[in-house]
C-alpha atoms as a PDB file:
ATOM      1  CA  MET A   1     -18.930  15.376   4.644  1.00  0.00           C
ATOM      2  CA  LYS A   2     -16.296  13.701   2.395  1.00  0.00           C
ATOM      3  CA  ASP A   3     -17.328  11.553  -0.555  1.00  0.00           C
ATOM      4  CA  LYS A   4     -16.826   7.490   0.146  1.00  0.00           C
ATOM      5  CA  ASN A   5     -14.037   7.796  -1.836  1.00  0.00           C
ATOM      6  CA  THR A   6     -11.844   9.726  -0.543  1.00  0.00           C
ATOM      7  CA  ILE A   7     -12.635   8.615   2.937  1.00  0.00           C
ATOM      8  CA  TRP A   8     -11.732   4.719   1.446  1.00  0.00           C
ATOM      9  CA  MET A   9      -8.584   6.146   0.539  1.00  0.00           C
ATOM     10  CA  THR A  10      -7.399   7.190   3.479  1.00  0.00           C
ATOM     11  CA  ILE A  11      -7.688   4.279   5.471  1.00  0.00           C
ATOM     12  CA  SER A  12      -6.489   1.983   2.409  1.00  0.00           C
ATOM     13  CA  GLY A  13      -3.066   4.672   2.296  1.00  0.00           C
ATOM     14  CA  LEU A  14      -2.432   5.096   5.731  1.00  0.00           C
ATOM     15  CA  ALA A  15      -2.003   0.871   6.215  1.00  0.00           C
ATOM     16  CA  GLY A  16      -0.414   0.742   3.259  1.00  0.00           C
ATOM     17  CA  LEU A  17       2.041   3.082   4.712  1.00  0.00           C
ATOM     18  CA  SER A  18       1.497   1.151   8.368  1.00  0.00           C
ATOM     19  CA  PHE A  19       2.557  -2.173   7.149  1.00  0.00           C
ATOM     20  CA  PHE A  20       4.708  -0.529   4.407  1.00  0.00           C
ATOM     21  CA  LEU A  21       7.068   0.419   7.696  1.00  0.00           C
ATOM     22  CA  ILE A  22       6.664  -2.786   8.891  1.00  0.00           C
ATOM     23  CA  ALA A  23       7.235  -4.861   7.825  1.00  0.00           C
ATOM     24  CA  ASN A  24      10.552  -2.317   6.361  1.00  0.00           C
ATOM     25  CA  PHE A  25      11.897  -1.160   9.689  1.00  0.00           C
ATOM     26  CA  THR A  26      11.243  -2.812  11.540  1.00  0.00           C
ATOM     27  CA  ASN A  27      12.779  -5.699  13.519  1.00  0.00           C
ATOM     28  CA  LEU A  28      11.718  -5.905  17.068  1.00  0.00           C
ATOM     29  CA  PHE A  29       9.444  -9.599  17.071  1.00  0.00           C
ATOM     30  CA  VAL A  30      11.611 -12.730  14.657  1.00  0.00           C
ATOM     31  CA  GLY A  31       9.091 -13.567  11.745  1.00  0.00           C
ATOM     32  CA  LEU A  32       7.013  -9.976  12.224  1.00  0.00           C
ATOM     33  CA  ALA A  33       8.681  -8.334   8.775  1.00  0.00           C
ATOM     34  CA  VAL A  34       8.263 -11.666   7.195  1.00  0.00           C
ATOM     35  CA  THR A  35       4.675 -11.162   8.204  1.00  0.00           C
ATOM     36  CA  ALA A  36       4.409  -8.048   7.788  1.00  0.00           C
ATOM     37  CA  GLY A  37       5.521  -7.563   4.495  1.00  0.00           C
ATOM     38  CA  ILE A  38       3.235 -10.517   2.787  1.00  0.00           C
ATOM     39  CA  LEU A  39       0.578  -8.835   4.700  1.00  0.00           C
ATOM     40  CA  GLN A  40       1.254  -5.755   2.751  1.00  0.00           C
ATOM     41  CA  ILE A  41       1.227  -7.785  -0.481  1.00  0.00           C
ATOM     42  CA  ILE A  42      -2.084  -8.207  -0.168  1.00  0.00           C
ATOM     43  CA  VAL A  43      -2.783  -4.679   1.179  1.00  0.00           C
ATOM     44  CA  ASN A  44      -1.247  -2.950  -1.593  1.00  0.00           C
ATOM     45  CA  VAL A  45      -4.444  -4.683  -3.702  1.00  0.00           C
ATOM     46  CA  PHE A  46      -6.961  -3.185  -1.998  1.00  0.00           C
ATOM     47  CA  VAL A  47      -4.835  -0.033  -2.569  1.00  0.00           C
ATOM     48  CA  PHE A  48      -4.272   0.001  -5.445  1.00  0.00           C
ATOM     49  CA  VAL A  49      -8.300  -1.114  -6.474  1.00  0.00           C
ATOM     50  CA  VAL A  50      -9.283   1.722  -4.304  1.00  0.00           C
ATOM     51  CA  TRP A  51      -7.372   4.783  -5.721  1.00  0.00           C
ATOM     52  CA  SER A  52      -7.688   2.984  -9.193  1.00  0.00           C
ATOM     53  CA  LYS A  53     -11.561   2.852  -8.528  1.00  0.00           C
ATOM     54  CA  ALA A  54     -11.386   6.750  -7.647  1.00  0.00           C
ATOM     55  CA  PHE A  55      -9.355   7.245 -10.058  1.00  0.00           C
ATOM     56  CA  LEU A  56     -11.757   6.387 -12.637  1.00  0.00           C
ATOM     57  CA  GLN A  57     -15.289   8.708 -10.918  1.00  0.00           C
ATOM     58  CA  SER A  58     -12.422  11.402 -10.022  1.00  0.00           C
ATOM     59  CA  ILE A  59     -11.935  14.951 -12.412  1.00  0.00           C
ATOM     60  CA  GLY A  60      -9.232  17.704 -12.311  1.00  0.00           C
ATOM     61  CA  LEU A  61      -5.776  16.838  -9.104  1.00  0.00           C
ATOM     62  CA  LYS A  62      -7.876  14.873  -7.694  1.00  0.00           C
ATOM     63  CA  LYS A  63      -7.509  12.876 -10.393  1.00  0.00           C
ATOM     64  CA  CYS A  64      -4.221  13.017 -10.185  1.00  0.00           C
ATOM     65  CA  ILE A  65      -3.600  12.461  -7.424  1.00  0.00           C
ATOM     66  CA  ALA A  66      -5.724   8.937  -7.719  1.00  0.00           C
ATOM     67  CA  PHE A  67      -2.885   8.497 -10.057  1.00  0.00           C
ATOM     68  CA  ILE A  68      -0.178   8.352  -8.079  1.00  0.00           C
ATOM     69  CA  GLY A  69      -2.549   6.373  -4.924  1.00  0.00           C
ATOM     70  CA  ALA A  70      -2.524   3.537  -8.310  1.00  0.00           C
ATOM     71  CA  VAL A  71       0.345   2.996  -9.563  1.00  0.00           C
ATOM     72  CA  PHE A  72       2.512   3.709  -5.891  1.00  0.00           C
ATOM     73  CA  PRO A  73       1.865   0.571  -4.351  1.00  0.00           C
ATOM     74  CA  PHE A  74       3.875  -1.265  -7.202  1.00  0.00           C
ATOM     75  CA  PHE A  75       6.791   0.071  -5.350  1.00  0.00           C
ATOM     76  CA  MET A  76       5.501   0.293  -1.950  1.00  0.00           C
ATOM     77  CA  ALA A  77       5.767  -3.996  -3.176  1.00  0.00           C
ATOM     78  CA  SER A  78       8.169  -3.784  -4.275  1.00  0.00           C
ATOM     79  CA  ILE A  79      10.674  -2.672  -2.094  1.00  0.00           C
ATOM     80  CA  THR A  80       9.027  -5.432   0.004  1.00  0.00           C
ATOM     81  CA  ILE A  81       9.440  -8.522  -1.704  1.00  0.00           C
ATOM     82  CA  TRP A  82      13.739  -7.297  -3.163  1.00  0.00           C
ATOM     83  CA  ARG A  83      14.017  -6.167   0.943  1.00  0.00           C
ATOM     84  CA  VAL A  84      12.406  -8.790   3.135  1.00  0.00           C
ATOM     85  CA  LEU A  85      10.471 -11.127   1.482  1.00  0.00           C
ATOM     86  CA  LEU A  86      13.458 -12.986  -1.624  1.00  0.00           C
ATOM     87  CA  PRO A  87      15.979 -12.424   1.661  1.00  0.00           C
ATOM     88  CA  VAL A  88      14.182 -15.208   3.763  1.00  0.00           C
ATOM     89  CA  PHE A  89      13.230 -17.383   1.239  1.00  0.00           C
ATOM     90  CA  HIS A  90      16.340 -17.812  -0.642  1.00  0.00           C
END
C-alpha cells in the first residue's frame, strides 16, 4: 500500500491540473473559466500544502519530485491570473 503522502499528492495534483486545464482552455459555458480560475487558486493552496508537507517528510528522489510539485502551483496560479482573471476584472 502506498503511503499517505503519495495518495494525497496524487489527489491534489490531479485536482490542480484539472482546474488549471478547465480554467485556461475551456470556453464551453459563460463564466465557467472565471469560476474554475478562482477555484483553481484555492485548490493550488491545497496542492502547495500537501506537496510541501511531503517535501519535508521525504528523502531522495521523492524529495526532489515533491519540491517541484510544491513550486509548480505558483506557476499555474500565475498563468491563470494572467490569462483568465485579469482580463475579466480589468
